[in-house]
Amino acid sequence: MEYEVYLRREVFEFLRQRRNEERDLLLTLFRSLGKDPYRRGDFAEMDGTGRAIEVLVFRRYAILYWADHAAKELKVTEVRFADR
């Protein structure tokens, strides 16, 4: 089942600053995560509530996300440069 994908405002702003090609690649990746919400990242980080946040390294970016299986939503919480 495909999940709805939600972006935090900061992710949206990050995307606005990217070139069209990069933005389209990232949006395609987000959609693919919504189609495969059980996909694991390359590693996980714990947030302040103890929730595991998946971190997927894609090209030069680190995409942080978690799946809310009860709501059938995938939440992209942060996109940052992977070398940070």
PDB file of N, CA and C in Angstrom:
ATOM      1  N   MET A   1       0.839  -1.181   0.000  1.00  0.00           N
ATOM      2  CA  MET A   1       0.000   0.000   0.000  1.00  0.00           C
ATOM      3  C   MET A   1       0.883   1.243   0.000  1.00  0.00           C
ATOM      4  N   GLU A   2       0.515   2.193  -0.802  1.00  0.00           N
ATOM      5  CA  GLU A   2       1.288   3.428  -0.894  1.00  0.00           C
ATOM      6  C   GLU A   2       0.883   4.395   0.214  1.00  0.00           C
ATOM      7  N   TYR A   3       1.883   4.989   0.851  1.00  0.00           N
ATOM      8  CA  TYR A   3       1.654   5.956   1.912  1.00  0.00           C
ATOM      9  C   TYR A   3       1.684   7.373   1.338  1.00  0.00           C
ATOM     10  N   GLU A   4       0.947   8.260   1.982  1.00  0.00           N
ATOM     11  CA  GLU A   4       1.057   9.684   1.678  1.00  0.00           C
ATOM     12  C   GLU A   4       2.426  10.153   2.161  1.00  0.00           C
ATOM     13  N   VAL A   5       3.048  11.031   1.421  1.00  0.00           N
ATOM     14  CA  VAL A   5       4.355  11.561   1.799  1.00  0.00           C
ATOM     15  C   VAL A   5       4.175  13.013   2.249  1.00  0.00           C
ATOM     16  N   TYR A   6       4.689  13.304   3.436  1.00  0.00           N
ATOM     17  CA  TYR A   6       4.625  14.653   3.986  1.00  0.00           C
ATOM     18  C   TYR A   6       6.030  15.190   4.179  1.00  0.00           C
ATOM     19  N   LEU A   7       6.203  16.455   3.844  1.00  0.00           N
ATOM     20  CA  LEU A   7       7.496  17.128   3.986  1.00  0.00           C
ATOM     21  C   LEU A   7       7.385  18.206   5.047  1.00  0.00           C
ATOM     22  N   ARG A   8       8.379  18.270   5.918  1.00  0.00           N
ATOM     23  CA  ARG A   8       8.446  19.401   6.848  1.00  0.00           C
ATOM     24  C   ARG A   8       8.714  20.668   6.048  1.00  0.00           C
ATOM     25  N   ARG A   9       8.327  21.781   6.606  1.00  0.00           N
ATOM     26  CA  ARG A   9       8.515  23.073   5.938  1.00  0.00           C
ATOM     27  C   ARG A   9       9.980  23.289   5.552  1.00  0.00           C
ATOM     28  N   GLU A  10      10.898  22.885   6.418  1.00  0.00           N
ATOM     29  CA  GLU A  10      12.330  23.057   6.139  1.00  0.00           C
ATOM     30  C   GLU A  10      12.756  22.245   4.910  1.00  0.00           C
ATOM     31  N   VAL A  11      12.163  21.087   4.732  1.00  0.00           N
ATOM     32  CA  VAL A  11      12.467  20.261   3.553  1.00  0.00           C
ATOM     33  C   VAL A  11      11.952  20.956   2.305  1.00  0.00           C
ATOM     34  N   PHE A  12      10.752  21.471   2.382  1.00  0.00           N
ATOM     35  CA  PHE A  12      10.178  22.215   1.260  1.00  0.00           C
ATOM     36  C   PHE A  12      11.079  23.391   0.881  1.00  0.00           C
ATOM     37  N   GLU A  13      11.538  24.135   1.868  1.00  0.00           N
ATOM     38  CA  GLU A  13      12.417  25.282   1.599  1.00  0.00           C
ATOM     39  C   GLU A  13      13.744  24.823   1.006  1.00  0.00           C
ATOM     40  N   PHE A  14      14.278  23.709   1.493  1.00  0.00           N
ATOM     41  CA  PHE A  14      15.511  23.164   0.945  1.00  0.00           C
ATOM     42  C   PHE A  14      15.313  22.824  -0.536  1.00  0.00           C
ATOM     43  N   LEU A  15      14.183  22.212  -0.870  1.00  0.00           N
ATOM     44  CA  LEU A  15      13.901  21.852  -2.263  1.00  0.00           C
ATOM     45  C   LEU A  15      13.784  23.091  -3.148  1.00  0.00           C
ATOM     46  N   ARG A  16      13.184  24.139  -2.623  1.00  0.00           N
ATOM     47  CA  ARG A  16      13.031  25.370  -3.412  1.00  0.00           C
ATOM     48  C   ARG A  16      14.377  25.948  -3.826  1.00  0.00           C
ATOM     49  N   GLN A  17      15.415  25.669  -3.058  1.00  0.00           N
ATOM     50  CA  GLN A  17      16.737  26.220  -3.344  1.00  0.00           C
ATOM     51  C   GLN A  17      17.552  25.350  -4.311  1.00  0.00           C
ATOM     52  N   ARG A  18      17.041  24.195  -4.673  1.00  0.00           N
ATOM     53  CA  ARG A  18      17.753  23.295  -5.573  1.00  0.00           C
ATOM     54  C   ARG A  18      17.392  23.601  -7.021  1.00  0.00           C
ATOM     55  N   ARG A  19      18.268  23.199  -7.909  1.00  0.00           N
ATOM     56  CA  ARG A  19      17.970  23.295  -9.342  1.00  0.00           C
ATOM     57  C   ARG A  19      16.838  22.320  -9.668  1.00  0.00           C
ATOM     58  N   ASN A  20      16.139  22.573 -10.758  1.00  0.00           N
ATOM     59  CA  ASN A  20      14.994  21.746 -11.138  1.00  0.00           C
ATOM     60  C   ASN A  20      15.337  20.266 -11.212  1.00  0.00           C
ATOM     61  N   GLU A  21      16.457  19.940 -11.815  1.00  0.00           N
ATOM     62  CA  GLU A  21      16.836  18.530 -11.972  1.00  0.00           C
ATOM     63  C   GLU A  21      17.039  17.861 -10.609  1.00  0.00           C
ATOM     64  N   GLU A  22      17.746  18.512  -9.718  1.00  0.00           N
ATOM     65  CA  GLU A  22      17.967  17.955  -8.375  1.00  0.00           C
ATOM     66  C   GLU A  22      16.661  17.840  -7.610  1.00  0.00           C
ATOM     67  N   ARG A  23      15.841  18.872  -7.701  1.00  0.00           N
ATOM     68  CA  ARG A  23      14.547  18.858  -7.004  1.00  0.00           C
ATOM     69  C   ARG A  23      13.685  17.700  -7.507  1.00  0.00           C
ATOM     70  N   ASP A  24      13.637  17.508  -8.826  1.00  0.00           N
ATOM     71  CA  ASP A  24      12.836  16.425  -9.393  1.00  0.00           C
ATOM     72  C   ASP A  24      13.346  15.060  -8.954  1.00  0.00           C
ATOM     73  N   LEU A  25      14.669  14.889  -8.882  1.00  0.00           N
ATOM     74  CA  LEU A  25      15.233  13.614  -8.413  1.00  0.00           C
ATOM     75  C   LEU A  25      14.842  13.340  -6.965  1.00  0.00           C
ATOM     76  N   LEU A  26      14.917  14.359  -6.131  1.00  0.00           N
ATOM     77  CA  LEU A  26      14.556  14.181  -4.726  1.00  0.00           C
ATOM     78  C   LEU A  26      13.065  13.896  -4.576  1.00  0.00           C
ATOM     79  N   LEU A  27      12.221  14.593  -5.316  1.00  0.00           N
ATOM     80  CA  LEU A  27      10.780  14.341  -5.243  1.00  0.00           C
ATOM     81  C   LEU A  27      10.440  12.929  -5.709  1.00  0.00           C
ATOM     82  N   THR A  28      11.123  12.462  -6.739  1.00  0.00           N
ATOM     83  CA  THR A  28      10.921  11.081  -7.202  1.00  0.00           C
ATOM     84  C   THR A  28      11.333  10.094  -6.123  1.00  0.00           C
ATOM     85  N   LEU A  29      12.431  10.379  -5.443  1.00  0.00           N
ATOM     86  CA  LEU A  29      12.867   9.514  -4.348  1.00  0.00           C
ATOM     87  C   LEU A  29      11.832   9.507  -3.224  1.00  0.00           C
ATOM     88  N   PHE A  30      11.312  10.660  -2.874  1.00  0.00           N
ATOM     89  CA  PHE A  30      10.296  10.722  -1.815  1.00  0.00           C
ATOM     90  C   PHE A  30       9.073   9.886  -2.189  1.00  0.00           C
ATOM     91  N   ARG A  31       8.640   9.990  -3.446  1.00  0.00           N
ATOM     92  CA  ARG A  31       7.493   9.191  -3.891  1.00  0.00           C
ATOM     93  C   ARG A  31       7.794   7.702  -3.793  1.00  0.00           C
ATOM     94  N   SER A  32       9.023   7.314  -4.144  1.00  0.00           N
ATOM     95  CA  SER A  32       9.383   5.895  -4.074  1.00  0.00           C
ATOM     96  C   SER A  32       9.395   5.400  -2.631  1.00  0.00           C
ATOM     97  N   LEU A  33       9.775   6.266  -1.699  1.00  0.00           N
ATOM     98  CA  LEU A  33       9.721   5.891  -0.285  1.00  0.00           C
ATOM     99  C   LEU A  33       8.273   5.691   0.158  1.00  0.00           C
ATOM    100  N   GLY A  34       7.366   6.517  -0.350  1.00  0.00           N
ATOM    101  CA  GLY A  34       5.955   6.358  -0.035  1.00  0.00           C
ATOM    102  C   GLY A  34       5.380   5.058  -0.578  1.00  0.00           C
ATOM    103  N   LYS A  35       5.954   4.585  -1.682  1.00  0.00           N
ATOM    104  CA  LYS A  35       5.503   3.312  -2.265  1.00  0.00           C
ATOM    105  C   LYS A  35       6.106   2.111  -1.556  1.00  0.00           C
ATOM    106  N   ASP A  36       7.196   2.335  -0.837  1.00  0.00           N
ATOM    107  CA  ASP A  36       7.880   1.266  -0.099  1.00  0.00           C
ATOM    108  C   ASP A  36       8.183   1.765   1.312  1.00  0.00           C
ATOM    109  N   PRO A  37       7.151   1.981   2.129  1.00  0.00           N
ATOM    110  CA  PRO A  37       7.344   2.628   3.434  1.00  0.00           C
ATOM    111  C   PRO A  37       8.135   1.795   4.441  1.00  0.00           C
ATOM    112  N   TYR A  38       8.384   0.535   4.146  1.00  0.00           N
ATOM    113  CA  TYR A  38       9.174  -0.300   5.059  1.00  0.00           C
ATOM    114  C   TYR A  38      10.659  -0.292   4.689  1.00  0.00           C
ATOM    115  N   ARG A  39      11.004   0.473   3.676  1.00  0.00           N
ATOM    116  CA  ARG A  39      12.403   0.558   3.245  1.00  0.00           C
ATOM    117  C   ARG A  39      13.255   1.148   4.360  1.00  0.00           C
ATOM    118  N   ARG A  40      14.346   0.494   4.622  1.00  0.00           N
ATOM    119  CA  ARG A  40      15.277   0.963   5.644  1.00  0.00           C
ATOM    120  C   ARG A  40      16.282   1.910   5.005  1.00  0.00           C
ATOM    121  N   GLY A  41      16.757   2.839   5.785  1.00  0.00           N
ATOM    122  CA  GLY A  41      17.800   3.734   5.330  1.00  0.00           C
ATOM    123  C   GLY A  41      19.155   3.060   5.448  1.00  0.00           C
ATOM    124  N   ASP A  42      20.191   3.811   5.219  1.00  0.00           N
ATOM    125  CA  ASP A  42      21.552   3.295   5.362  1.00  0.00           C
ATOM    126  C   ASP A  42      21.917   3.143   6.835  1.00  0.00           C
ATOM    127  N   PHE A  43      21.292   3.948   7.664  1.00  0.00           N
ATOM    128  CA  PHE A  43      21.434   3.835   9.116  1.00  0.00           C
ATOM    129  C   PHE A  43      20.280   4.600   9.749  1.00  0.00           C
ATOM    130  N   ALA A  44      20.166   4.543  11.051  1.00  0.00           N
ATOM    131  CA  ALA A  44      19.079   5.238  11.749  1.00  0.00           C
ATOM    132  C   ALA A  44      19.660   6.133  12.838  1.00  0.00           C
ATOM    133  N   GLU A  45      18.956   7.211  13.114  1.00  0.00           N
ATOM    134  CA  GLU A  45      19.269   8.115  14.220  1.00  0.00           C
ATOM    135  C   GLU A  45      18.040   8.163  15.111  1.00  0.00           C
ATOM    136  N   MET A  46      18.245   8.374  16.390  1.00  0.00           N
ATOM    137  CA  MET A  46      17.123   8.508  17.309  1.00  0.00           C
ATOM    138  C   MET A  46      16.775   9.986  17.454  1.00  0.00           C
ATOM    139  N   ASP A  47      15.476  10.289  17.419  1.00  0.00           N
ATOM    140  CA  ASP A  47      15.079  11.680  17.656  1.00  0.00           C
ATOM    141  C   ASP A  47      14.861  11.896  19.152  1.00  0.00           C
ATOM    142  N   GLY A  48      14.425  13.064  19.523  1.00  0.00           N
ATOM    143  CA  GLY A  48      14.255  13.416  20.930  1.00  0.00           C
ATOM    144  C   GLY A  48      13.218  12.585  21.664  1.00  0.00           C
ATOM    145  N   THR A  49      12.313  11.953  20.923  1.00  0.00           N
ATOM    146  CA  THR A  49      11.278  11.117  21.549  1.00  0.00           C
ATOM    147  C   THR A  49      11.662   9.651  21.596  1.00  0.00           C
ATOM    148  N   GLY A  50      12.846   9.317  21.061  1.00  0.00           N
ATOM    149  CA  GLY A  50      13.272   7.920  21.020  1.00  0.00           C
ATOM    150  C   GLY A  50      12.842   7.190  19.760  1.00  0.00           C
ATOM    151  N   ARG A  51      12.250   7.900  18.815  1.00  0.00           N
ATOM    152  CA  ARG A  51      11.829   7.300  17.550  1.00  0.00           C
ATOM    153  C   ARG A  51      13.037   7.128  16.638  1.00  0.00           C
ATOM    154  N   ALA A  52      13.110   6.001  15.964  1.00  0.00           N
ATOM    155  CA  ALA A  52      14.175   5.760  14.993  1.00  0.00           C
ATOM    156  C   ALA A  52      13.837   6.517  13.707  1.00  0.00           C
ATOM    157  N   ILE A  53      14.729   7.377  13.292  1.00  0.00           N
ATOM    158  CA  ILE A  53      14.591   8.124  12.048  1.00  0.00           C
ATOM    159  C   ILE A  53      15.560   7.503  11.047  1.00  0.00           C
ATOM    160  N   GLU A  54      15.017   7.025   9.938  1.00  0.00           N
ATOM    161  CA  GLU A  54      15.862   6.424   8.902  1.00  0.00           C
ATOM    162  C   GLU A  54      16.655   7.516   8.192  1.00  0.00           C
ATOM    163  N   VAL A  55      17.894   7.215   7.869  1.00  0.00           N
ATOM    164  CA  VAL A  55      18.749   8.146   7.131  1.00  0.00           C
ATOM    165  C   VAL A  55      19.201   7.429   5.865  1.00  0.00           C
ATOM    166  N   LEU A  56      18.761   7.932   4.740  1.00  0.00           N
ATOM    167  CA  LEU A  56      19.105   7.360   3.447  1.00  0.00           C
ATOM    168  C   LEU A  56      20.046   8.321   2.734  1.00  0.00           C
ATOM    169  N   VAL A  57      21.209   7.841   2.356  1.00  0.00           N
ATOM    170  CA  VAL A  57      22.158   8.664   1.610  1.00  0.00           C
ATOM    171  C   VAL A  57      21.865   8.463   0.130  1.00  0.00           C
ATOM    172  N   PHE A  58      21.575   9.562  -0.539  1.00  0.00           N
ATOM    173  CA  PHE A  58      21.234   9.560  -1.957  1.00  0.00           C
ATOM    174  C   PHE A  58      22.055  10.643  -2.635  1.00  0.00           C
ATOM    175  N   ARG A  59      22.977  10.197  -3.480  1.00  0.00           N
ATOM    176  CA  ARG A  59      23.914  11.119  -4.123  1.00  0.00           C
ATOM    177  C   ARG A  59      24.632  11.943  -3.068  1.00  0.00           C
ATOM    178  N   ARG A  60      24.459  13.254  -3.060  1.00  0.00           N
ATOM    179  CA  ARG A  60      25.162  14.080  -2.069  1.00  0.00           C
ATOM    180  C   ARG A  60      24.270  14.480  -0.897  1.00  0.00           C
ATOM    181  N   TYR A  61      23.103  13.865  -0.806  1.00  0.00           N
ATOM    182  CA  TYR A  61      22.131  14.231   0.220  1.00  0.00           C
ATOM    183  C   TYR A  61      21.907  13.121   1.238  1.00  0.00           C
ATOM    184  N   ALA A  62      21.572  13.527   2.449  1.00  0.00           N
ATOM    185  CA  ALA A  62      21.092  12.602   3.479  1.00  0.00           C
ATOM    186  C   ALA A  62      19.624  12.952   3.697  1.00  0.00           C
ATOM    187  N   ILE A  63      18.752  11.971   3.472  1.00  0.00           N
ATOM    188  CA  ILE A  63      17.314  12.160   3.622  1.00  0.00           C
ATOM    189  C   ILE A  63      16.884  11.473   4.914  1.00  0.00           C
ATOM    190  N   LEU A  64      16.274  12.223   5.822  1.00  0.00           N
ATOM    191  CA  LEU A  64      15.814  11.679   7.097  1.00  0.00           C
ATOM    192  C   LEU A  64      14.298  11.544   7.045  1.00  0.00           C
ATOM    193  N   TYR A  65      13.799  10.366   7.409  1.00  0.00           N
ATOM    194  CA  TYR A  65      12.368  10.106   7.307  1.00  0.00           C
ATOM    195  C   TYR A  65      11.953   9.021   8.284  1.00  0.00           C
ATOM    196  N   TRP A  66      10.644   8.954   8.516  1.00  0.00           N
ATOM    197  CA  TRP A  66      10.087   7.858   9.293  1.00  0.00           C
ATOM    198  C   TRP A  66       8.677   7.579   8.791  1.00  0.00           C
ATOM    199  N   ALA A  67       8.274   6.358   8.942  1.00  0.00           N
ATOM    200  CA  ALA A  67       6.954   5.941   8.490  1.00  0.00           C
ATOM    201  C   ALA A  67       6.008   5.844   9.680  1.00  0.00           C
ATOM    202  N   ASP A  68       4.875   6.499   9.553  1.00  0.00           N
ATOM    203  CA  ASP A  68       3.806   6.399  10.539  1.00  0.00           C
ATOM    204  C   ASP A  68       2.833   5.355   9.987  1.00  0.00           C
ATOM    205  N   HIS A  69       3.058   4.110  10.381  1.00  0.00           N
ATOM    206  CA  HIS A  69       2.278   3.014   9.809  1.00  0.00           C
ATOM    207  C   HIS A  69       0.814   3.073  10.221  1.00  0.00           C
ATOM    208  N   ALA A  70       0.511   3.579  11.394  1.00  0.00           N
ATOM    209  CA  ALA A  70      -0.884   3.676  11.832  1.00  0.00           C
ATOM    210  C   ALA A  70      -1.664   4.638  10.932  1.00  0.00           C
ATOM    211  N   ALA A  71      -1.021   5.746  10.526  1.00  0.00           N
ATOM    212  CA  ALA A  71      -1.670   6.749   9.685  1.00  0.00           C
ATOM    213  C   ALA A  71      -1.407   6.518   8.200  1.00  0.00           C
ATOM    214  N   LYS A  72      -0.528   5.565   7.878  1.00  0.00           N
ATOM    215  CA  LYS A  72      -0.130   5.292   6.497  1.00  0.00           C
ATOM    216  C   LYS A  72       0.461   6.548   5.838  1.00  0.00           C
ATOM    217  N   GLU A  73       1.413   7.140   6.569  1.00  0.00           N
ATOM    218  CA  GLU A  73       2.094   8.343   6.103  1.00  0.00           C
ATOM    219  C   GLU A  73       3.602   8.172   6.249  1.00  0.00           C
ATOM    220  N   LEU A  74       4.320   8.720   5.285  1.00  0.00           N
ATOM    221  CA  LEU A  74       5.771   8.757   5.365  1.00  0.00           C
ATOM    222  C   LEU A  74       6.170  10.211   5.551  1.00  0.00           C
ATOM    223  N   LYS A  75       6.942  10.486   6.580  1.00  0.00           N
ATOM    224  CA  LYS A  75       7.282  11.863   6.931  1.00  0.00           C
ATOM    225  C   LYS A  75       8.765  12.109   6.671  1.00  0.00           C
ATOM    226  N   VAL A  76       9.044  13.001   5.742  1.00  0.00           N
ATOM    227  CA  VAL A  76      10.418  13.413   5.462  1.00  0.00           C
ATOM    228  C   VAL A  76      10.692  14.606   6.366  1.00  0.00           C
ATOM    229  N   THR A  77      11.589  14.406   7.314  1.00  0.00           N
ATOM    230  CA  THR A  77      11.809  15.423   8.336  1.00  0.00           C
ATOM    231  C   THR A  77      12.979  16.351   8.041  1.00  0.00           C
ATOM    232  N   GLU A  78      13.923  15.866   7.235  1.00  0.00           N
ATOM    233  CA  GLU A  78      15.101  16.703   6.956  1.00  0.00           C
ATOM    234  C   GLU A  78      15.808  16.188   5.713  1.00  0.00           C
ATOM    235  N   VAL A  79      16.362  17.121   4.967  1.00  0.00           N
ATOM    236  CA  VAL A  79      17.292  16.809   3.875  1.00  0.00           C
ATOM    237  C   VAL A  79      18.495  17.694   4.112  1.00  0.00           C
ATOM    238  N   ARG A  80      19.657  17.069   4.121  1.00  0.00           N
ATOM    239  CA  ARG A  80      20.884  17.843   4.333  1.00  0.00           C
ATOM    240  C   ARG A  80      21.965  17.269   3.444  1.00  0.00           C
ATOM    241  N   PHE A  81      23.032  18.010   3.306  1.00  0.00           N
ATOM    242  CA  PHE A  81      24.150  17.498   2.536  1.00  0.00           C
ATOM    243  C   PHE A  81      24.811  16.375   3.321  1.00  0.00           C
ATOM    244  N   ALA A  82      25.117  15.285   2.674  1.00  0.00           N
ATOM    245  CA  ALA A  82      25.604  14.081   3.342  1.00  0.00           C
ATOM    246  C   ALA A  82      26.965  14.285   3.983  1.00  0.00           C
ATOM    247  N   ASP A  83      27.722  15.242   3.547  1.00  0.00           N
ATOM    248  CA  ASP A  83      29.071  15.435   4.099  1.00  0.00           C
ATOM    249  C   ASP A  83      29.070  16.274   5.360  1.00  0.00           C
ATOM    250  N   ARG A  84      27.907  16.645   5.873  1.00  0.00           N
ATOM    251  CA  ARG A  84      27.838  17.435   7.115  1.00  0.00           C
ATOM    252  C   ARG A  84      27.898  16.553   8.307  1.00  0.00           C
TER     253      ARG A  84
END
